[in-house]
C-alpha atoms as a PDB file:
ATOM      1  CA  MET A   1      12.481  19.780 -11.720  1.00  0.00           C
ATOM      2  CA  THR A   2      10.422  18.836  -8.680  1.00  0.00           C
ATOM      3  CA  TRP A   3      11.242  15.663  -6.761  1.00  0.00           C
ATOM      4  CA  TYR A   4       8.746  13.926  -4.495  1.00  0.00           C
ATOM      5  CA  VAL A   5       9.286  11.773  -1.443  1.00  0.00           C
ATOM      6  CA  TYR A   6       6.333   9.456  -0.962  1.00  0.00           C
ATOM      7  CA  ILE A   7       4.993   6.694   1.244  1.00  0.00           C
ATOM      8  CA  ILE A   8       2.780   3.933  -0.151  1.00  0.00           C
ATOM      9  CA  LYS A   9       0.634   1.693   2.034  1.00  0.00           C
ATOM     10  CA  SER A  10       0.726  -1.874   0.729  1.00  0.00           C
ATOM     11  CA  SER A  11      -1.701  -4.798   0.858  1.00  0.00           C
ATOM     12  CA  ASP A  12       0.012  -6.284   3.929  1.00  0.00           C
ATOM     13  CA  ASP A  13      -0.345  -2.905   5.707  1.00  0.00           C
ATOM     14  CA  SER A  14       3.399  -2.167   5.446  1.00  0.00           C
ATOM     15  CA  LEU A  15       4.746   1.235   4.400  1.00  0.00           C
ATOM     16  CA  TYR A  16       7.118   1.756   1.462  1.00  0.00           C
ATOM     17  CA  THR A  17       9.112   4.992   1.059  1.00  0.00           C
ATOM     18  CA  GLY A  18      10.608   6.201  -2.212  1.00  0.00           C
ATOM     19  CA  ILE A  19      11.393   9.222  -4.409  1.00  0.00           C
ATOM     20  CA  THR A  20      10.308  10.162  -7.921  1.00  0.00           C
ATOM     21  CA  THR A  21       9.681  13.088 -10.250  1.00  0.00           C
ATOM     22  CA  ASN A  22       6.218  11.799 -11.225  1.00  0.00           C
ATOM     23  CA  LEU A  23       3.993  10.292  -8.524  1.00  0.00           C
ATOM     24  CA  GLY A  24       1.285   8.965 -10.825  1.00  0.00           C
ATOM     25  CA  ARG A  25       3.703   7.246 -13.187  1.00  0.00           C
ATOM     26  CA  ARG A  26       5.716   5.737 -10.352  1.00  0.00           C
ATOM     27  CA  PHE A  27       2.615   4.385  -8.611  1.00  0.00           C
ATOM     28  CA  GLN A  28       1.515   2.770 -11.891  1.00  0.00           C
ATOM     29  CA  GLN A  29       4.966   1.185 -12.227  1.00  0.00           C
ATOM     30  CA  HIS A  30       4.606  -0.303  -8.768  1.00  0.00           C
ATOM     31  CA  LEU A  31       1.111  -1.578  -9.638  1.00  0.00           C
ATOM     32  CA  THR A  32       2.277  -3.294 -12.820  1.00  0.00           C
ATOM     33  CA  GLY A  33       5.374  -4.933 -11.341  1.00  0.00           C
ATOM     34  CA  LYS A  34       7.814  -2.580 -13.064  1.00  0.00           C
ATOM     35  CA  GLY A  35       8.679  -0.716  -9.882  1.00  0.00           C
ATOM     36  CA  ALA A  36      10.512  -1.833  -6.757  1.00  0.00           C
ATOM     37  CA  LYS A  37      11.068  -5.510  -5.971  1.00  0.00           C
ATOM     38  CA  TYR A  38       9.373  -4.732  -2.668  1.00  0.00           C
ATOM     39  CA  PHE A  39       6.038  -4.981  -4.461  1.00  0.00           C
ATOM     40  CA  PHE A  40       6.665  -8.396  -5.997  1.00  0.00           C
ATOM     41  CA  ALA A  41       5.363 -10.061  -2.814  1.00  0.00           C
ATOM     42  CA  ARG A  42       2.689  -7.469  -1.971  1.00  0.00           C
ATOM     43  CA  LYS A  43       0.527  -4.976  -3.818  1.00  0.00           C
ATOM     44  CA  PRO A  44       0.579  -1.195  -3.461  1.00  0.00           C
ATOM     45  CA  VAL A  45      -2.745   0.125  -2.203  1.00  0.00           C
ATOM     46  CA  LYS A  46      -2.398   3.915  -2.183  1.00  0.00           C
ATOM     47  CA  ILE A  47      -0.039   6.831  -1.711  1.00  0.00           C
ATOM     48  CA  VAL A  48      -0.598   7.985   1.860  1.00  0.00           C
ATOM     49  CA  PHE A  49       2.048  10.728   2.037  1.00  0.00           C
ATOM     50  CA  SER A  50       4.066  12.901  -0.313  1.00  0.00           C
ATOM     51  CA  GLU A  51       6.136  16.045  -0.117  1.00  0.00           C
ATOM     52  CA  SER A  52       8.007  17.967  -2.792  1.00  0.00           C
ATOM     53  CA  HIS A  53      11.638  19.040  -2.963  1.00  0.00           C
ATOM     54  CA  THR A  54      13.513  21.230  -5.410  1.00  0.00           C
ATOM     55  CA  ASN A  55      16.285  18.746  -6.182  1.00  0.00           C
ATOM     56  CA  ARG A  56      17.168  15.078  -5.996  1.00  0.00           C
ATOM     57  CA  SER A  57      19.735  15.564  -3.256  1.00  0.00           C
ATOM     58  CA  MET A  58      17.232  17.104  -0.849  1.00  0.00           C
ATOM     59  CA  ALA A  59      14.656  14.428  -1.697  1.00  0.00           C
ATOM     60  CA  SER A  60      17.187  11.641  -1.115  1.00  0.00           C
ATOM     61  CA  VAL A  61      18.184  13.066   2.257  1.00  0.00           C
ATOM     62  CA  ARG A  62      14.529  13.300   3.286  1.00  0.00           C
ATOM     63  CA  GLU A  63      13.819   9.770   2.023  1.00  0.00           C
ATOM     64  CA  TYR A  64      16.652   8.482   4.212  1.00  0.00           C
ATOM     65  CA  GLU A  65      15.313  10.428   7.215  1.00  0.00           C
ATOM     66  CA  ILE A  66      11.840   8.935   6.750  1.00  0.00           C
ATOM     67  CA  LYS A  67      13.222   5.420   6.341  1.00  0.00           C
ATOM     68  CA  GLN A  68      14.933   5.792   9.734  1.00  0.00           C
ATOM     69  CA  LEU A  69      11.635   6.565  11.489  1.00  0.00           C
ATOM     70  CA  THR A  70       9.721   3.960  13.445  1.00  0.00           C
ATOM     71  CA  ARG A  71       6.350   2.853  12.114  1.00  0.00           C
ATOM     72  CA  LYS A  72       4.608   4.950  14.756  1.00  0.00           C
ATOM     73  CA  GLN A  73       6.590   8.026  13.716  1.00  0.00           C
ATOM     74  CA  LYS A  74       5.750   7.386  10.040  1.00  0.00           C
ATOM     75  CA  GLU A  75       2.066   7.120  10.932  1.00  0.00           C
ATOM     76  CA  GLN A  76       2.287  10.453  12.782  1.00  0.00           C
ATOM     77  CA  LEU A  77       3.965  11.996   9.715  1.00  0.00           C
ATOM     78  CA  ILE A  78       1.187  10.674   7.478  1.00  0.00           C
ATOM     79  CA  LEU A  79      -1.467  12.189   9.760  1.00  0.00           C
ATOM     80  CA  SER A  80       0.221  15.606   9.939  1.00  0.00           C
END
């Protein structure tokens, strides 16, 4: 199974990082209020970054690494 680490840009221009096995389904969950509580106060706009991993453990480690980055570093990652 493939796991994805992703970053979503939200309506207030903030960046949300998460993991999933299905990017399209997860984005729809966020859009309809069935995803993270983070999106109760803001709306997801689009997925601006994703990368695949072969297992959940690797994806979780990478998610943590990305969450530790500064906004500027996340923006550089998105552009790369």
